[in-house]
Amino acid sequence: MRFYEYEAKALFARHGLPLVRRHVVHSDAQAREAAVELDAEKMVVLGQVAAGTDPEELSAGSEVELVLETLYEDDENEYLVWKWKPVAA
């Protein structure tokens, strides 16, 4: 059985399970602030990796930076999304 995120959250709430506090950010500075807060809470931030990144080469604790990439475009706009990119060693 598969659940969408919103369905899983509704199921958890219905059964009294705690839900994780979310941080929605709109800039790299806000992301860094949220990451610092999440570190203190011992939480992990999940997200997409940048194009050309091999997920097999990543592990927990890998040093990464936030980069902007195009999510999609239409006739009037380009929609961007933050992604993780490994920092070159």
PDB file of N, CA and C in Angstrom:
ATOM      1  N   MET A   1       0.845  -1.170   0.000  1.00  0.00           N
ATOM      2  CA  MET A   1       0.000   0.000   0.000  1.00  0.00           C
ATOM      3  C   MET A   1       0.895   1.240   0.000  1.00  0.00           C
ATOM      4  N   ARG A   2       0.529   2.239  -0.788  1.00  0.00           N
ATOM      5  CA  ARG A   2       1.291   3.484  -0.858  1.00  0.00           C
ATOM      6  C   ARG A   2       0.409   4.638  -0.388  1.00  0.00           C
ATOM      7  N   PHE A   3       1.050   5.607   0.256  1.00  0.00           N
ATOM      8  CA  PHE A   3       0.366   6.804   0.712  1.00  0.00           C
ATOM      9  C   PHE A   3       1.054   8.033   0.156  1.00  0.00           C
ATOM     10  N   TYR A   4       0.270   9.033  -0.164  1.00  0.00           N
ATOM     11  CA  TYR A   4       0.844  10.346  -0.406  1.00  0.00           C
ATOM     12  C   TYR A   4       1.194  10.927   0.959  1.00  0.00           C
ATOM     13  N   GLU A   5       2.088  11.912   0.967  1.00  0.00           N
ATOM     14  CA  GLU A   5       2.513  12.510   2.237  1.00  0.00           C
ATOM     15  C   GLU A   5       1.324  13.040   3.029  1.00  0.00           C
ATOM     16  N   TYR A   6       0.422  13.753   2.367  1.00  0.00           N
ATOM     17  CA  TYR A   6      -0.714  14.335   3.092  1.00  0.00           C
ATOM     18  C   TYR A   6      -1.612  13.247   3.687  1.00  0.00           C
ATOM     19  N   GLU A   7      -1.717  12.102   3.009  1.00  0.00           N
ATOM     20  CA  GLU A   7      -2.531  11.006   3.531  1.00  0.00           C
ATOM     21  C   GLU A   7      -1.878  10.385   4.764  1.00  0.00           C
ATOM     22  N   ALA A   8      -0.566  10.226   4.711  1.00  0.00           N
ATOM     23  CA  ALA A   8       0.150   9.666   5.854  1.00  0.00           C
ATOM     24  C   ALA A   8       0.037  10.588   7.061  1.00  0.00           C
ATOM     25  N   LYS A   9       0.162  11.895   6.838  1.00  0.00           N
ATOM     26  CA  LYS A   9       0.048  12.848   7.949  1.00  0.00           C
ATOM     27  C   LYS A   9      -1.343  12.807   8.559  1.00  0.00           C
ATOM     28  N   ALA A  10      -2.359  12.701   7.736  1.00  0.00           N
ATOM     29  CA  ALA A  10      -3.727  12.615   8.250  1.00  0.00           C
ATOM     30  C   ALA A  10      -3.917  11.337   9.067  1.00  0.00           C
ATOM     31  N   LEU A  11      -3.352  10.238   8.591  1.00  0.00           N
ATOM     32  CA  LEU A  11      -3.433   8.971   9.312  1.00  0.00           C
ATOM     33  C   LEU A  11      -2.715   9.066  10.656  1.00  0.00           C
ATOM     34  N   PHE A  12      -1.516   9.635  10.669  1.00  0.00           N
ATOM     35  CA  PHE A  12      -0.766   9.813  11.919  1.00  0.00           C
ATOM     36  C   PHE A  12      -1.563  10.664  12.898  1.00  0.00           C
ATOM     37  N   ALA A  13      -2.103  11.779  12.426  1.00  0.00           N
ATOM     38  CA  ALA A  13      -2.849  12.691  13.296  1.00  0.00           C
ATOM     39  C   ALA A  13      -4.076  11.997  13.879  1.00  0.00           C
ATOM     40  N   ARG A  14      -4.758  11.216  13.045  1.00  0.00           N
ATOM     41  CA  ARG A  14      -5.958  10.504  13.493  1.00  0.00           C
ATOM     42  C   ARG A  14      -5.641   9.532  14.624  1.00  0.00           C
ATOM     43  N   HIS A  15      -4.436   8.994  14.634  1.00  0.00           N
ATOM     44  CA  HIS A  15      -4.058   8.011  15.648  1.00  0.00           C
ATOM     45  C   HIS A  15      -3.162   8.588  16.731  1.00  0.00           C
ATOM     46  N   GLY A  16      -3.064   9.923  16.769  1.00  0.00           N
ATOM     47  CA  GLY A  16      -2.332  10.581  17.843  1.00  0.00           C
ATOM     48  C   GLY A  16      -0.815  10.504  17.747  1.00  0.00           C
ATOM     49  N   LEU A  17      -0.284  10.154  16.573  1.00  0.00           N
ATOM     50  CA  LEU A  17       1.163  10.108  16.415  1.00  0.00           C
ATOM     51  C   LEU A  17       1.691  11.524  16.169  1.00  0.00           C
ATOM     52  N   PRO A  18       2.856  11.848  16.739  1.00  0.00           N
ATOM     53  CA  PRO A  18       3.383  13.200  16.557  1.00  0.00           C
ATOM     54  C   PRO A  18       3.823  13.444  15.116  1.00  0.00           C
ATOM     55  N   LEU A  19       3.597  14.657  14.661  1.00  0.00           N
ATOM     56  CA  LEU A  19       4.020  15.058  13.327  1.00  0.00           C
ATOM     57  C   LEU A  19       5.233  15.965  13.439  1.00  0.00           C
ATOM     58  N   VAL A  20       6.097  15.868  12.480  1.00  0.00           N
ATOM     59  CA  VAL A  20       7.319  16.663  12.459  1.00  0.00           C
ATOM     60  C   VAL A  20       6.990  18.098  12.059  1.00  0.00           C
ATOM     61  N   ARG A  21       7.599  19.037  12.768  1.00  0.00           N
ATOM     62  CA  ARG A  21       7.443  20.448  12.403  1.00  0.00           C
ATOM     63  C   ARG A  21       8.175  20.694  11.100  1.00  0.00           C
ATOM     64  N   ARG A  22       7.553  21.422  10.182  1.00  0.00           N
ATOM     65  CA  ARG A  22       8.156  21.682   8.870  1.00  0.00           C
ATOM     66  C   ARG A  22       8.719  23.084   8.800  1.00  0.00           C
ATOM     67  N   HIS A  23       9.726  23.240   7.975  1.00  0.00           N
ATOM     68  CA  HIS A  23      10.307  24.546   7.678  1.00  0.00           C
ATOM     69  C   HIS A  23      10.230  24.747   6.173  1.00  0.00           C
ATOM     70  N   VAL A  24       9.429  25.697   5.727  1.00  0.00           N
ATOM     71  CA  VAL A  24       9.393  26.047   4.313  1.00  0.00           C
ATOM     72  C   VAL A  24      10.277  27.271   4.148  1.00  0.00           C
ATOM     73  N   VAL A  25      11.240  27.187   3.243  1.00  0.00           N
ATOM     74  CA  VAL A  25      12.189  28.286   3.064  1.00  0.00           C
ATOM     75  C   VAL A  25      12.144  28.782   1.624  1.00  0.00           C
ATOM     76  N   HIS A  26      12.566  30.027   1.460  1.00  0.00           N
ATOM     77  CA  HIS A  26      12.524  30.649   0.137  1.00  0.00           C
ATOM     78  C   HIS A  26      13.864  31.228  -0.285  1.00  0.00           C
ATOM     79  N   SER A  27      14.904  30.981   0.501  1.00  0.00           N
ATOM     80  CA  SER A  27      16.234  31.463   0.137  1.00  0.00           C
ATOM     81  C   SER A  27      17.276  30.543   0.759  1.00  0.00           C
ATOM     82  N   ASP A  28      18.510  30.629   0.252  1.00  0.00           N
ATOM     83  CA  ASP A  28      19.560  29.791   0.835  1.00  0.00           C
ATOM     84  C   ASP A  28      19.850  30.206   2.270  1.00  0.00           C
ATOM     85  N   ALA A  29      19.726  31.495   2.591  1.00  0.00           N
ATOM     86  CA  ALA A  29      19.956  31.951   3.970  1.00  0.00           C
ATOM     87  C   ALA A  29      18.925  31.343   4.914  1.00  0.00           C
ATOM     88  N   GLN A  30      17.667  31.330   4.506  1.00  0.00           N
ATOM     89  CA  GLN A  30      16.623  30.711   5.327  1.00  0.00           C
ATOM     90  C   GLN A  30      16.859  29.218   5.475  1.00  0.00           C
ATOM     91  N   ALA A  31      17.345  28.570   4.425  1.00  0.00           N
ATOM     92  CA  ALA A  31      17.625  27.131   4.491  1.00  0.00           C
ATOM     93  C   ALA A  31      18.730  26.851   5.497  1.00  0.00           C
ATOM     94  N   ARG A  32      19.766  27.700   5.504  1.00  0.00           N
ATOM     95  CA  ARG A  32      20.850  27.505   6.477  1.00  0.00           C
ATOM     96  C   ARG A  32      20.333  27.677   7.899  1.00  0.00           C
ATOM     97  N   GLU A  33      19.473  28.675   8.121  1.00  0.00           N
ATOM     98  CA  GLU A  33      18.891  28.866   9.450  1.00  0.00           C
ATOM     99  C   GLU A  33      18.073  27.647   9.868  1.00  0.00           C
ATOM    100  N   ALA A  34      17.248  27.155   8.964  1.00  0.00           N
ATOM    101  CA  ALA A  34      16.419  25.988   9.267  1.00  0.00           C
ATOM    102  C   ALA A  34      17.292  24.775   9.544  1.00  0.00           C
ATOM    103  N   ALA A  35      18.357  24.601   8.772  1.00  0.00           N
ATOM    104  CA  ALA A  35      19.238  23.450   8.962  1.00  0.00           C
ATOM    105  C   ALA A  35      19.901  23.498  10.328  1.00  0.00           C
ATOM    106  N   VAL A  36      20.298  24.680  10.779  1.00  0.00           N
ATOM    107  CA  VAL A  36      20.901  24.808  12.109  1.00  0.00           C
ATOM    108  C   VAL A  36      19.887  24.407  13.171  1.00  0.00           C
ATOM    109  N   GLU A  37      18.653  24.888  13.031  1.00  0.00           N
ATOM    110  CA  GLU A  37      17.613  24.512  13.984  1.00  0.00           C
ATOM    111  C   GLU A  37      17.367  23.010  13.967  1.00  0.00           C
ATOM    112  N   LEU A  38      17.335  22.425  12.786  1.00  0.00           N
ATOM    113  CA  LEU A  38      17.070  20.999  12.678  1.00  0.00           C
ATOM    114  C   LEU A  38      18.221  20.174  13.246  1.00  0.00           C
ATOM    115  N   ASP A  39      19.442  20.660  13.141  1.00  0.00           N
ATOM    116  CA  ASP A  39      20.585  19.958  13.724  1.00  0.00           C
ATOM    117  C   ASP A  39      20.409  19.845  15.232  1.00  0.00           C
ATOM    118  N   ALA A  40      19.964  20.921  15.860  1.00  0.00           N
ATOM    119  CA  ALA A  40      19.748  20.898  17.303  1.00  0.00           C
ATOM    120  C   ALA A  40      18.650  19.905  17.675  1.00  0.00           C
ATOM    121  N   GLU A  41      17.694  19.700  16.776  1.00  0.00           N
ATOM    122  CA  GLU A  41      16.593  18.769  17.016  1.00  0.00           C
ATOM    123  C   GLU A  41      16.925  17.350  16.575  1.00  0.00           C
ATOM    124  N   LYS A  42      18.116  17.163  16.022  1.00  0.00           N
ATOM    125  CA  LYS A  42      18.558  15.845  15.521  1.00  0.00           C
ATOM    126  C   LYS A  42      17.627  15.335  14.434  1.00  0.00           C
ATOM    127  N   MET A  43      17.339  16.210  13.474  1.00  0.00           N
ATOM    128  CA  MET A  43      16.473  15.847  12.364  1.00  0.00           C
ATOM    129  C   MET A  43      17.261  15.893  11.068  1.00  0.00           C
ATOM    130  N   VAL A  44      16.748  15.239  10.059  1.00  0.00           N
ATOM    131  CA  VAL A  44      17.374  15.180   8.741  1.00  0.00           C
ATOM    132  C   VAL A  44      16.514  15.952   7.752  1.00  0.00           C
ATOM    133  N   VAL A  45      17.158  16.712   6.883  1.00  0.00           N
ATOM    134  CA  VAL A  45      16.458  17.438   5.835  1.00  0.00           C
ATOM    135  C   VAL A  45      16.574  16.631   4.549  1.00  0.00           C
ATOM    136  N   LEU A  46      15.442  16.291   3.974  1.00  0.00           N
ATOM    137  CA  LEU A  46      15.422  15.538   2.734  1.00  0.00           C
ATOM    138  C   LEU A  46      15.165  16.469   1.566  1.00  0.00           C
ATOM    139  N   GLY A  47      15.653  16.105   0.407  1.00  0.00           N
ATOM    140  CA  GLY A  47      15.402  16.909  -0.773  1.00  0.00           C
ATOM    141  C   GLY A  47      15.976  16.242  -2.003  1.00  0.00           C
ATOM    142  N   GLN A  48      15.713  16.844  -3.136  1.00  0.00           N
ATOM    143  CA  GLN A  48      16.246  16.320  -4.388  1.00  0.00           C
ATOM    144  C   GLN A  48      17.710  16.690  -4.515  1.00  0.00           C
ATOM    145  N   VAL A  49      18.441  15.879  -5.273  1.00  0.00           N
ATOM    146  CA  VAL A  49      19.842  16.205  -5.549  1.00  0.00           C
ATOM    147  C   VAL A  49      19.940  16.856  -6.920  1.00  0.00           C
ATOM    148  N   ALA A  50      20.976  17.661  -7.097  1.00  0.00           N
ATOM    149  CA  ALA A  50      21.180  18.398  -8.339  1.00  0.00           C
ATOM    150  C   ALA A  50      21.433  17.447  -9.498  1.00  0.00           C
ATOM    151  N   ALA A  51      21.131  17.916 -10.691  1.00  0.00           N
ATOM    152  CA  ALA A  51      21.361  17.134 -11.905  1.00  0.00           C
ATOM    153  C   ALA A  51      22.830  16.725 -11.982  1.00  0.00           C
ATOM    154  N   GLY A  52      23.063  15.508 -12.411  1.00  0.00           N
ATOM    155  CA  GLY A  52      24.426  15.008 -12.552  1.00  0.00           C
ATOM    156  C   GLY A  52      24.995  14.401 -11.287  1.00  0.00           C
ATOM    157  N   THR A  53      24.231  14.419 -10.198  1.00  0.00           N
ATOM    158  CA  THR A  53      24.691  13.842  -8.939  1.00  0.00           C
ATOM    159  C   THR A  53      24.323  12.366  -8.888  1.00  0.00           C
ATOM    160  N   ASP A  54      25.287  11.530  -8.533  1.00  0.00           N
ATOM    161  CA  ASP A  54      25.030  10.097  -8.375  1.00  0.00           C
ATOM    162  C   ASP A  54      24.621   9.837  -6.933  1.00  0.00           C
ATOM    163  N   PRO A  55      23.344   9.529  -6.667  1.00  0.00           N
ATOM    164  CA  PRO A  55      22.889   9.302  -5.291  1.00  0.00           C
ATOM    165  C   PRO A  55      23.655   8.193  -4.577  1.00  0.00           C
ATOM    166  N   GLU A  56      24.200   7.251  -5.321  1.00  0.00           N
ATOM    167  CA  GLU A  56      24.966   6.159  -4.712  1.00  0.00           C
ATOM    168  C   GLU A  56      26.236   6.658  -4.031  1.00  0.00           C
ATOM    169  N   GLU A  57      26.704   7.842  -4.432  1.00  0.00           N
ATOM    170  CA  GLU A  57      27.928   8.391  -3.848  1.00  0.00           C
ATOM    171  C   GLU A  57      27.652   9.248  -2.615  1.00  0.00           C
ATOM    172  N   LEU A  58      26.389   9.432  -2.265  1.00  0.00           N
ATOM    173  CA  LEU A  58      26.024  10.233  -1.098  1.00  0.00           C
ATOM    174  C   LEU A  58      25.767   9.348   0.104  1.00  0.00           C
ATOM    175  N   SER A  59      26.008   9.913   1.275  1.00  0.00           N
ATOM    176  CA  SER A  59      25.673   9.221   2.520  1.00  0.00           C
ATOM    177  C   SER A  59      25.318  10.270   3.560  1.00  0.00           C
ATOM    178  N   ALA A  60      24.738   9.837   4.655  1.00  0.00           N
ATOM    179  CA  ALA A  60      24.400  10.770   5.730  1.00  0.00           C
ATOM    180  C   ALA A  60      25.664  11.503   6.154  1.00  0.00           C
ATOM    181  N   GLY A  61      25.568  12.805   6.253  1.00  0.00           N
ATOM    182  CA  GLY A  61      26.704  13.613   6.660  1.00  0.00           C
ATOM    183  C   GLY A  61      27.544  14.136   5.507  1.00  0.00           C
ATOM    184  N   SER A  62      27.195  13.769   4.263  1.00  0.00           N
ATOM    185  CA  SER A  62      27.932  14.289   3.111  1.00  0.00           C
ATOM    186  C   SER A  62      27.813  15.813   3.097  1.00  0.00           C
ATOM    187  N   GLU A  63      28.902  16.490   2.759  1.00  0.00           N
ATOM    188  CA  GLU A  63      28.861  17.941   2.684  1.00  0.00           C
ATOM    189  C   GLU A  63      28.204  18.347   1.367  1.00  0.00           C
ATOM    190  N   VAL A  64      27.147  19.152   1.460  1.00  0.00           N
ATOM    191  CA  VAL A  64      26.395  19.583   0.292  1.00  0.00           C
ATOM    192  C   VAL A  64      26.123  21.078   0.372  1.00  0.00           C
ATOM    193  N   GLU A  65      25.766  21.650  -0.774  1.00  0.00           N
ATOM    194  CA  GLU A  65      25.336  23.043  -0.830  1.00  0.00           C
ATOM    195  C   GLU A  65      24.008  23.096  -1.555  1.00  0.00           C
ATOM    196  N   LEU A  66      23.270  24.181  -1.345  1.00  0.00           N
ATOM    197  CA  LEU A  66      21.996  24.376  -2.036  1.00  0.00           C
ATOM    198  C   LEU A  66      22.238  25.074  -3.360  1.00  0.00           C
ATOM    199  N   VAL A  67      21.605  24.566  -4.416  1.00  0.00           N
ATOM    200  CA  VAL A  67      21.680  25.193  -5.733  1.00  0.00           C
ATOM    201  C   VAL A  67      20.266  25.294  -6.295  1.00  0.00           C
ATOM    202  N   LEU A  68      20.058  26.278  -7.138  1.00  0.00           N
ATOM    203  CA  LEU A  68      18.773  26.437  -7.807  1.00  0.00           C
ATOM    204  C   LEU A  68      18.807  25.751  -9.159  1.00  0.00           C
ATOM    205  N   GLU A  69      17.747  25.014  -9.472  1.00  0.00           N
ATOM    206  CA  GLU A  69      17.603  24.395 -10.783  1.00  0.00           C
ATOM    207  C   GLU A  69      16.180  24.617 -11.263  1.00  0.00           C
ATOM    208  N   THR A  70      15.996  24.512 -12.548  1.00  0.00           N
ATOM    209  CA  THR A  70      14.666  24.667 -13.124  1.00  0.00           C
ATOM    210  C   THR A  70      13.829  23.436 -12.808  1.00  0.00           C
ATOM    211  N   LEU A  71      12.677  23.674 -12.227  1.00  0.00           N
ATOM    212  CA  LEU A  71      11.722  22.599 -11.981  1.00  0.00           C
ATOM    213  C   LEU A  71      10.945  22.332 -13.265  1.00  0.00           C
ATOM    214  N   TYR A  72      10.384  23.413 -13.839  1.00  0.00           N
ATOM    215  CA  TYR A  72       9.740  23.335 -15.144  1.00  0.00           C
ATOM    216  C   TYR A  72       9.515  24.752 -15.649  1.00  0.00           C
ATOM    217  N   GLU A  73       9.151  24.869 -16.907  1.00  0.00           N
ATOM    218  CA  GLU A  73       8.883  26.157 -17.533  1.00  0.00           C
ATOM    219  C   GLU A  73       7.557  26.100 -18.275  1.00  0.00           C
ATOM    220  N   ASP A  74       6.908  27.253 -18.334  1.00  0.00           N
ATOM    221  CA  ASP A  74       5.754  27.371 -19.214  1.00  0.00           C
ATOM    222  C   ASP A  74       6.001  28.573 -20.124  1.00  0.00           C
ATOM    223  N   ASP A  75       4.998  29.020 -20.836  1.00  0.00           N
ATOM    224  CA  ASP A  75       5.182  30.122 -21.781  1.00  0.00           C
ATOM    225  C   ASP A  75       5.551  31.436 -21.102  1.00  0.00           C
ATOM    226  N   GLU A  76       5.206  31.574 -19.829  1.00  0.00           N
ATOM    227  CA  GLU A  76       5.413  32.845 -19.137  1.00  0.00           C
ATOM    228  C   GLU A  76       6.445  32.806 -18.020  1.00  0.00           C
ATOM    229  N   ASN A  77       6.729  31.645 -17.474  1.00  0.00           N
ATOM    230  CA  ASN A  77       7.565  31.577 -16.280  1.00  0.00           C
ATOM    231  C   ASN A  77       8.534  30.404 -16.304  1.00  0.00           C
ATOM    232  N   GLU A  78       9.576  30.563 -15.526  1.00  0.00           N
ATOM    233  CA  GLU A  78      10.481  29.462 -15.212  1.00  0.00           C
ATOM    234  C   GLU A  78      10.329  29.216 -13.717  1.00  0.00           C
ATOM    235  N   TYR A  79      10.004  28.003 -13.337  1.00  0.00           N
ATOM    236  CA  TYR A  79       9.793  27.648 -11.938  1.00  0.00           C
ATOM    237  C   TYR A  79      11.043  26.954 -11.418  1.00  0.00           C
ATOM    238  N   LEU A  80      11.570  27.479 -10.317  1.00  0.00           N
ATOM    239  CA  LEU A  80      12.832  26.991  -9.775  1.00  0.00           C
ATOM    240  C   LEU A  80      12.603  26.187  -8.515  1.00  0.00           C
ATOM    241  N   VAL A  81      13.574  25.336  -8.203  1.00  0.00           N
ATOM    242  CA  VAL A  81      13.518  24.516  -7.003  1.00  0.00           C
ATOM    243  C   VAL A  81      14.933  24.420  -6.432  1.00  0.00           C
ATOM    244  N   TRP A  82      15.021  24.403  -5.096  1.00  0.00           N
ATOM    245  CA  TRP A  82      16.319  24.213  -4.437  1.00  0.00           C
ATOM    246  C   TRP A  82      16.650  22.722  -4.468  1.00  0.00           C
ATOM    247  N   LYS A  83      17.914  22.423  -4.737  1.00  0.00           N
ATOM    248  CA  LYS A  83      18.386  21.034  -4.715  1.00  0.00           C
ATOM    249  C   LYS A  83      19.734  20.959  -4.019  1.00  0.00           C
ATOM    250  N   TRP A  84      20.079  19.774  -3.552  1.00  0.00           N
ATOM    251  CA  TRP A  84      21.358  19.539  -2.895  1.00  0.00           C
ATOM    252  C   TRP A  84      22.404  19.168  -3.938  1.00  0.00           C
ATOM    253  N   LYS A  85      23.597  19.763  -3.812  1.00  0.00           N
ATOM    254  CA  LYS A  85      24.711  19.445  -4.693  1.00  0.00           C
ATOM    255  C   LYS A  85      25.927  19.147  -3.813  1.00  0.00           C
ATOM    256  N   PRO A  86      26.568  18.003  -3.991  1.00  0.00           N
ATOM    257  CA  PRO A  86      27.752  17.697  -3.182  1.00  0.00           C
ATOM    258  C   PRO A  86      28.846  18.743  -3.387  1.00  0.00           C
ATOM    259  N   VAL A  87      29.524  19.069  -2.320  1.00  0.00           N
ATOM    260  CA  VAL A  87      30.643  20.001  -2.394  1.00  0.00           C
ATOM    261  C   VAL A  87      31.856  19.218  -2.866  1.00  0.00           C
ATOM    262  N   ALA A  88      32.534  19.724  -3.887  1.00  0.00           N
ATOM    263  CA  ALA A  88      33.705  19.030  -4.439  1.00  0.00           C
ATOM    264  C   ALA A  88      34.779  18.898  -3.357  1.00  0.00           C
ATOM    265  N   ALA A  89      35.378  17.725  -3.304  1.00  0.00           N
ATOM    266  CA  ALA A  89      36.422  17.471  -2.290  1.00  0.00           C
ATOM    267  C   ALA A  89      37.736  18.102  -2.691  1.00  0.00           C
TER     268      ALA A  89
END
